[in-house]
Amino acid sequence: MPDLSHGDDAAAVNALRSAVMRLSRRLKHQRVDESLSPTEMSVLGTLARCGSATPGELARKEHVQPPSMTRIVALLEAKGLVRLEPHPDDRRQKVVTQTERAEAMLEESRRKRNAFLASLAEGLDEGEWATLRAAAPVLEKLAHI
């Protein structure tokens, strides 16, 4: 466990935060569709990872208020990227499902961002690349805690 009162741990946490934020900003610029906000892209990514969900479930996963998610879903639906379907068990609810157009756009976005990261990784030596490969599952876990 990191101990922020310990100088080395505090420095490592600070460096990790700073690096992740800078890298995230750079990745956000590698977008396929500039008309989508980062939040809209995040919702599409959540649907791709987790499958169809109600707006309430999406709001919890995205850490936004339900009325905000309702607006986001409406924007995505208007752009043809999601569709609303009746909930199988609760007729008062709707289920949000991504469309094939959204799947294709996400795939192109992943390809572009992966190519960008691969180009950055070309600047690493073999030891650094091995360290980064080993750290990837840990960073993935950290992102989803």
Protein backbone atom coordinates (compact mmCIF):
# COMPACT_ATOMS: atom_id res chain seq x y z
CA MET A 1 0.00 0.00 0.00
CA PRO A 2 1.32 3.46 -0.81
CA ASP A 3 2.10 5.59 2.21
CA LEU A 4 1.85 9.25 1.21
CA SER A 5 3.80 10.26 4.30
CA HIS A 6 6.76 8.28 2.90
CA GLY A 7 8.74 10.41 0.44
CA ASP A 8 9.30 7.71 -2.19
CA ASP A 9 5.64 6.65 -2.22
CA ALA A 10 4.41 10.23 -2.38
CA ALA A 11 6.79 11.00 -5.25
CA ALA A 12 5.71 7.85 -7.14
CA VAL A 13 2.01 8.67 -6.73
CA ASN A 14 2.64 12.24 -7.87
CA ALA A 15 4.64 11.10 -10.91
CA LEU A 16 2.00 8.52 -11.84
CA ARG A 17 -0.82 11.09 -11.57
CA SER A 18 1.05 13.60 -13.65
CA ALA A 19 2.05 11.09 -16.35
CA VAL A 20 -1.43 9.58 -16.61
CA MET A 21 -3.03 13.01 -16.93
CA ARG A 22 -0.59 14.18 -19.63
CA LEU A 23 -0.91 10.94 -21.58
CA SER A 24 -4.70 11.04 -21.28
CA ARG A 25 -4.82 14.58 -22.67
CA ARG A 26 -2.63 13.56 -25.60
CA LEU A 27 -4.79 10.51 -26.31
CA LYS A 28 -7.97 12.61 -26.23
CA HIS A 29 -6.60 14.57 -29.18
CA GLN A 30 -6.41 11.35 -31.21
CA ARG A 31 -10.15 11.31 -31.88
CA VAL A 32 -11.87 10.00 -34.97
CA ASP A 33 -15.06 12.06 -34.61
CA GLU A 34 -14.49 15.58 -33.30
CA SER A 35 -18.23 16.12 -32.90
CA LEU A 36 -18.36 13.75 -29.91
CA SER A 37 -17.44 14.98 -26.45
CA PRO A 38 -15.05 12.94 -24.29
CA THR A 39 -18.06 12.02 -22.12
CA GLU A 40 -20.00 10.73 -25.12
CA MET A 41 -17.00 8.67 -26.19
CA SER A 42 -16.69 7.33 -22.65
CA VAL A 43 -20.34 6.23 -22.64
CA LEU A 44 -19.86 4.44 -25.96
CA GLY A 45 -16.74 2.77 -24.55
CA THR A 46 -18.69 1.63 -21.48
CA LEU A 47 -21.41 0.16 -23.69
CA ALA A 48 -18.74 -1.63 -25.73
CA ARG A 49 -17.09 -3.09 -22.60
CA CYS A 50 -20.17 -3.85 -20.51
CA GLY A 51 -22.93 -4.34 -23.07
CA SER A 52 -26.38 -2.78 -23.12
CA ALA A 53 -27.49 -0.93 -20.00
CA THR A 54 -30.23 1.30 -18.69
CA PRO A 55 -29.50 5.03 -18.49
CA GLY A 56 -29.37 4.69 -14.69
CA GLU A 57 -26.77 1.94 -14.89
CA LEU A 58 -24.73 4.02 -17.32
CA ALA A 59 -24.95 7.03 -15.00
CA ARG A 60 -23.53 4.96 -12.12
CA LYS A 61 -20.73 3.51 -14.26
CA GLU A 62 -19.83 6.93 -15.66
CA HIS A 63 -20.17 8.71 -12.29
CA VAL A 64 -22.69 11.28 -13.56
CA GLN A 65 -26.18 12.21 -12.42
CA PRO A 66 -29.07 10.35 -14.13
CA PRO A 67 -30.51 13.52 -15.76
CA SER A 68 -27.09 14.19 -17.32
CA MET A 69 -26.97 10.64 -18.67
CA THR A 70 -30.46 11.03 -20.11
CA ARG A 71 -29.22 14.06 -22.08
CA ILE A 72 -26.06 12.25 -23.21
CA VAL A 73 -28.06 9.23 -24.38
CA ALA A 74 -30.46 11.52 -26.28
CA LEU A 75 -27.50 13.17 -28.07
CA LEU A 76 -25.98 9.79 -28.94
CA GLU A 77 -29.35 8.53 -30.19
CA ALA A 78 -29.78 11.64 -32.38
CA LYS A 79 -26.34 10.93 -33.89
CA GLY A 80 -27.33 7.33 -34.65
CA LEU A 81 -24.78 5.85 -32.24
CA VAL A 82 -27.17 4.24 -29.76
CA ARG A 83 -30.72 3.00 -29.81
CA LEU A 84 -33.22 2.76 -26.99
CA GLU A 85 -35.09 -0.50 -26.65
CA PRO A 86 -37.76 -1.63 -24.20
CA HIS A 87 -36.41 -3.18 -21.01
CA PRO A 88 -37.19 -6.93 -21.03
CA ASP A 89 -38.42 -6.96 -17.40
CA ASP A 90 -39.55 -3.40 -16.66
CA ARG A 91 -41.73 -1.61 -19.22
CA ARG A 92 -41.04 1.74 -17.51
CA GLN A 93 -37.33 1.47 -18.37
CA LYS A 94 -35.35 1.58 -21.60
CA VAL A 95 -32.13 -0.21 -22.46
CA VAL A 96 -29.37 1.64 -24.32
CA THR A 97 -27.57 -0.36 -27.01
CA GLN A 98 -24.79 0.88 -29.25
CA THR A 99 -25.32 0.70 -33.01
CA GLU A 100 -23.02 -0.83 -35.63
CA ARG A 101 -21.98 2.71 -36.56
CA ALA A 102 -20.79 3.27 -32.97
CA GLU A 103 -18.92 -0.05 -32.98
CA ALA A 104 -17.12 0.88 -36.21
CA MET A 105 -16.26 4.34 -34.89
CA LEU A 106 -14.91 2.93 -31.63
CA GLU A 107 -12.81 0.40 -33.51
CA GLU A 108 -11.33 3.16 -35.69
CA SER A 109 -10.71 5.28 -32.58
CA ARG A 110 -8.93 2.36 -30.85
CA ARG A 111 -6.82 1.76 -33.95
CA LYS A 112 -5.80 5.42 -34.14
CA ARG A 113 -5.00 5.69 -30.42
CA ASN A 114 -3.14 2.37 -30.40
CA ALA A 115 -1.03 3.55 -33.36
CA PHE A 116 -0.30 6.79 -31.49
CA LEU A 117 0.80 4.91 -28.35
CA ALA A 118 2.87 2.50 -30.44
CA SER A 119 4.66 5.45 -32.04
CA LEU A 120 5.42 6.86 -28.58
CA ALA A 121 6.65 3.45 -27.39
CA GLU A 122 9.18 3.39 -30.23
CA GLY A 123 11.11 5.93 -28.16
CA LEU A 124 11.53 3.43 -25.32
CA ASP A 125 14.43 1.02 -24.95
CA GLU A 126 13.77 -2.74 -24.54
CA GLY A 127 13.91 -2.60 -20.74
CA GLU A 128 11.47 0.31 -20.56
CA TRP A 129 9.11 -1.42 -22.99
CA ALA A 130 9.25 -4.63 -20.92
CA THR A 131 8.46 -2.63 -17.77
CA LEU A 132 5.54 -0.92 -19.49
CA ARG A 133 4.16 -4.24 -20.79
CA ALA A 134 4.36 -5.67 -17.26
CA ALA A 135 2.67 -2.57 -15.79
CA ALA A 136 -0.24 -2.56 -18.27
CA PRO A 137 -2.41 -5.08 -16.35
CA VAL A 138 -1.79 -3.20 -13.09
CA LEU A 139 -2.76 0.12 -14.68
CA GLU A 140 -5.87 -1.56 -16.12
CA LYS A 141 -6.81 -2.81 -12.64
CA LEU A 142 -6.18 0.63 -11.14
CA ALA A 143 -8.41 2.24 -13.77
CA HIS A 144 -11.35 0.02 -12.80
CA ILE A 145 -11.10 0.02 -8.98
